[in-house]
Amino acid sequence: MDQSRTVTRDGGSESMNQAQIGLLIVTPLIVGMAVLLYRQGVMTKAGAAVASLAAVAAAAVMFFTQ
């Protein structure tokens, strides 16, 4: 048995899987890109806010349903 994982009573695992780690890496990159596009004048402030909130919301839903 792999020592890095803790198995719960129902057989699930408490450690993060690769998809969750990917979400933690990609979401800040998406938010950062929206900020950079806003600072360059490509996006409006509202557009950058909506894109950032949508990315965070989608990542949260996918993270907790994995």
Protein backbone atom coordinates (compact mmCIF):
# COMPACT_ATOMS: atom_id res chain seq x y z
CA MET A 1 0.00 0.00 0.00
CA ASP A 2 1.24 3.47 -0.85
CA GLN A 3 2.38 5.24 2.34
CA SER A 4 1.55 8.75 1.03
CA ARG A 5 -2.21 8.14 1.03
CA THR A 6 -4.60 7.82 3.91
CA VAL A 7 -7.50 5.52 3.20
CA THR A 8 -10.82 6.35 4.80
CA ARG A 9 -13.37 3.85 6.09
CA ASP A 10 -15.40 3.99 2.88
CA GLY A 11 -12.35 3.18 0.76
CA GLY A 12 -11.82 6.74 -0.47
CA SER A 13 -8.55 8.59 -0.32
CA GLU A 14 -7.85 11.86 1.50
CA SER A 15 -4.91 12.91 -0.70
CA MET A 16 -5.41 15.07 -3.78
CA ASN A 17 -5.48 13.41 -7.16
CA GLN A 18 -3.73 14.73 -10.27
CA ALA A 19 -6.82 16.55 -11.55
CA GLN A 20 -7.14 18.51 -8.31
CA ILE A 21 -3.47 19.44 -8.37
CA GLY A 22 -3.89 20.58 -11.97
CA LEU A 23 -6.83 22.78 -10.99
CA LEU A 24 -4.74 24.39 -8.25
CA ILE A 25 -2.04 25.19 -10.81
CA VAL A 26 -4.17 26.29 -13.77
CA THR A 27 -6.76 28.47 -11.99
CA PRO A 28 -4.28 31.12 -10.78
CA LEU A 29 -2.77 31.17 -14.27
CA ILE A 30 -6.19 31.92 -15.80
CA VAL A 31 -6.82 34.69 -13.26
CA GLY A 32 -3.33 36.10 -13.87
CA MET A 33 -3.91 36.09 -17.63
CA ALA A 34 -7.18 38.00 -17.15
CA VAL A 35 -5.36 40.59 -15.04
CA LEU A 36 -2.60 40.94 -17.65
CA LEU A 37 -5.14 41.35 -20.45
CA TYR A 38 -6.94 44.00 -18.40
CA ARG A 39 -3.70 45.88 -17.76
CA GLN A 40 -2.88 45.82 -21.48
CA GLY A 41 -6.30 47.29 -22.28
CA VAL A 42 -7.58 44.20 -24.09
CA MET A 43 -10.30 43.42 -21.54
CA THR A 44 -12.58 45.66 -19.56
CA LYS A 45 -12.51 45.54 -15.76
CA ALA A 46 -15.91 43.86 -15.74
CA GLY A 47 -14.78 41.29 -18.31
CA ALA A 48 -11.67 40.45 -16.31
CA ALA A 49 -13.73 40.13 -13.13
CA VAL A 50 -16.29 37.86 -14.78
CA ALA A 51 -13.57 35.68 -16.33
CA SER A 52 -11.76 35.40 -13.00
CA LEU A 53 -14.92 34.60 -11.03
CA ALA A 54 -16.01 32.03 -13.60
CA ALA A 55 -12.59 30.34 -13.51
CA VAL A 56 -12.56 30.21 -9.71
CA ALA A 57 -16.16 28.97 -9.54
CA ALA A 58 -15.58 26.25 -12.15
CA ALA A 59 -12.38 25.15 -10.43
CA ALA A 60 -14.11 25.01 -7.05
CA VAL A 61 -16.94 22.88 -8.39
CA MET A 62 -14.56 20.50 -10.19
CA PHE A 63 -12.16 20.36 -7.22
CA PHE A 64 -14.81 19.32 -4.73
CA THR A 65 -16.57 16.86 -7.05
CA GLN A 66 -13.44 14.91 -7.99
